[in-house]
Amino acid sequence: MEDSSLTDCPFCALPAERILERNDQAIAVADAFPVSPGHTLVMPRRHLASFFELTKDEILSIHDLLDRVRQRLDASLKPAGYNIGANVGPVSGQTILHVHIHLIPRFPGDVADPFGGVRNTIPGRGRYPFVDSGT
């Protein structure tokens, strides 16, 4: 990772034993406060705050690790689905200003009603008025 003395970023100072997967431009680590079993963070090695600052090569490297972690989780935990997301800026909920992508395995019954998925980051906005979720 980058020289943490320049940033005081906890993601730039991760110990090697926390890293689950790596490639030249990105790493994957288990989330320290997982919302589900297998919750993983994938991030660039370069310290950047915003997803939109990533190069195309960094995005491809992150995608490579998302896929590798997904394969591991499919084999070990067998989730029924995933949420993938990034918070960009404090107003979106980003608390560590180093780009990181959440890969969150999902399991039947882990929430009462998953309809709307990531749209539920804004309460009450997860439902479309013209779609019945069947619940």
Protein backbone atom coordinates (compact mmCIF):
# COMPACT_ATOMS: atom_id res chain seq x y z
CA MET A 1 0.00 0.00 0.00
CA GLU A 2 1.01 3.65 -0.10
CA ASP A 3 3.10 5.44 2.47
CA SER A 4 0.63 5.86 5.33
CA SER A 5 2.63 8.76 6.78
CA LEU A 6 1.22 10.84 3.91
CA THR A 7 -2.42 10.06 4.59
CA ASP A 8 -3.10 8.50 8.01
CA CYS A 9 -5.46 6.26 6.06
CA PRO A 10 -6.29 2.93 7.74
CA PHE A 11 -6.55 1.25 4.32
CA CYS A 12 -3.05 2.41 3.35
CA ALA A 13 -1.64 0.81 6.51
CA LEU A 14 -3.30 -2.63 6.40
CA PRO A 15 -1.13 -5.47 7.68
CA ALA A 16 -0.34 -8.14 5.08
CA GLU A 17 -2.24 -10.81 7.03
CA ARG A 18 -5.53 -8.92 6.47
CA ILE A 19 -5.25 -9.22 2.69
CA LEU A 20 -7.37 -12.03 1.21
CA GLU A 21 -6.59 -11.45 -2.48
CA ARG A 22 -4.30 -9.09 -4.35
CA ASN A 23 -3.08 -8.08 -7.76
CA ASP A 24 -0.77 -5.33 -8.99
CA GLN A 25 -3.24 -2.50 -8.44
CA ALA A 26 -5.80 -3.65 -5.86
CA ILE A 27 -6.38 -5.68 -2.72
CA ALA A 28 -9.35 -7.43 -1.08
CA VAL A 29 -9.86 -7.62 2.69
CA ALA A 30 -12.57 -8.90 4.98
CA ASP A 31 -14.72 -6.03 6.24
CA ALA A 32 -13.84 -5.32 9.89
CA PHE A 33 -17.55 -4.74 10.65
CA PRO A 34 -19.35 -7.12 8.26
CA VAL A 35 -23.06 -6.77 7.61
CA SER A 36 -23.21 -10.40 6.46
CA PRO A 37 -20.87 -13.40 6.47
CA GLY A 38 -18.18 -12.93 3.82
CA HIS A 39 -18.60 -9.13 3.50
CA THR A 40 -15.44 -8.05 1.68
CA LEU A 41 -13.89 -4.73 0.66
CA VAL A 42 -11.95 -4.39 -2.58
CA MET A 43 -9.82 -1.28 -3.02
CA PRO A 44 -7.06 0.19 -5.13
CA ARG A 45 -3.55 0.19 -3.69
CA ARG A 46 -3.25 3.87 -4.68
CA HIS A 47 -4.82 6.25 -2.19
CA LEU A 48 -7.79 8.03 -3.78
CA ALA A 49 -10.99 9.25 -2.18
CA SER A 50 -13.44 8.83 -5.07
CA PHE A 51 -14.36 5.92 -7.30
CA PHE A 52 -14.48 8.44 -10.14
CA GLU A 53 -10.73 9.12 -9.79
CA LEU A 54 -9.82 5.51 -10.63
CA THR A 55 -8.06 4.72 -13.88
CA LYS A 56 -9.55 2.16 -16.24
CA ASP A 57 -6.74 -0.24 -15.29
CA GLU A 58 -7.55 0.17 -11.58
CA ILE A 59 -11.22 -0.50 -12.28
CA LEU A 60 -10.30 -3.67 -14.19
CA SER A 61 -8.02 -4.76 -11.32
CA ILE A 62 -10.82 -4.18 -8.81
CA HIS A 63 -13.23 -6.12 -11.02
CA ASP A 64 -10.73 -8.99 -11.19
CA LEU A 65 -10.62 -9.19 -7.39
CA LEU A 66 -14.40 -8.85 -7.04
CA ASP A 67 -14.74 -11.87 -9.31
CA ARG A 68 -12.06 -13.87 -7.49
CA VAL A 69 -13.61 -13.15 -4.09
CA ARG A 70 -17.09 -13.97 -5.44
CA GLN A 71 -15.82 -17.35 -6.63
CA ARG A 72 -14.34 -18.06 -3.18
CA LEU A 73 -17.57 -17.02 -1.45
CA ASP A 74 -19.71 -19.04 -3.88
CA ALA A 75 -17.66 -22.12 -3.01
CA SER A 76 -17.48 -21.56 0.75
CA LEU A 77 -20.69 -19.78 1.81
CA LYS A 78 -22.96 -20.34 -1.22
CA PRO A 79 -24.84 -17.03 -1.00
CA ALA A 80 -28.02 -16.63 -3.05
CA GLY A 81 -27.00 -13.17 -4.30
CA TYR A 82 -24.78 -10.15 -3.77
CA ASN A 83 -24.89 -6.41 -3.34
CA ILE A 84 -21.93 -4.49 -4.76
CA GLY A 85 -21.50 -0.85 -3.95
CA ALA A 86 -19.31 2.15 -3.30
CA ASN A 87 -20.00 5.21 -1.20
CA VAL A 88 -18.58 8.36 -2.79
CA GLY A 89 -18.27 11.29 -0.42
CA PRO A 90 -19.35 11.75 3.19
CA VAL A 91 -22.94 12.63 2.19
CA SER A 92 -23.27 9.11 0.72
CA GLY A 93 -21.98 7.53 3.93
CA GLN A 94 -18.29 7.19 3.01
CA THR A 95 -16.43 7.16 6.33
CA ILE A 96 -12.93 6.21 5.12
CA LEU A 97 -11.82 8.45 2.28
CA HIS A 98 -9.99 5.71 0.38
CA VAL A 99 -12.01 4.18 -2.47
CA HIS A 100 -13.42 0.81 -1.50
CA ILE A 101 -16.07 -1.40 -3.05
CA HIS A 102 -18.30 -3.47 -0.78
CA LEU A 103 -19.06 -7.03 -1.90
CA ILE A 104 -21.89 -8.15 0.38
CA PRO A 105 -23.12 -11.74 0.13
CA ARG A 106 -26.90 -12.08 0.52
CA PHE A 107 -28.81 -15.02 1.93
CA PRO A 108 -32.53 -15.91 1.93
CA GLY A 109 -34.20 -14.28 4.93
CA ASP A 110 -31.28 -11.99 5.86
CA VAL A 111 -33.75 -9.08 5.66
CA ALA A 112 -37.51 -9.20 5.85
CA ASP A 113 -38.04 -7.64 2.42
CA PRO A 114 -35.06 -7.15 0.07
CA PHE A 115 -37.20 -5.57 -2.68
CA GLY A 116 -35.47 -2.52 -4.14
CA GLY A 117 -31.98 -3.54 -2.99
CA VAL A 118 -29.56 -0.62 -3.00
CA ARG A 119 -32.42 1.80 -3.68
CA ASN A 120 -33.21 1.41 0.02
CA THR A 121 -30.15 3.48 0.95
CA ILE A 122 -32.67 6.32 0.93
CA PRO A 123 -35.48 5.11 3.22
CA GLY A 124 -38.84 4.77 1.53
CA ARG A 125 -37.38 4.92 -2.00
CA GLY A 126 -36.85 1.19 -2.56
CA ARG A 127 -40.25 0.48 -4.04
CA TYR A 128 -41.49 1.35 -7.48
CA PRO A 129 -45.15 2.39 -7.34
CA PHE A 130 -46.01 0.13 -10.29
CA VAL A 131 -44.31 -3.12 -9.15
CA ASP A 132 -45.63 -5.59 -6.61
CA SER A 133 -42.84 -7.40 -4.74
CA GLY A 134 -45.13 -10.29 -3.93
CA THR A 135 -44.89 -9.73 -0.18
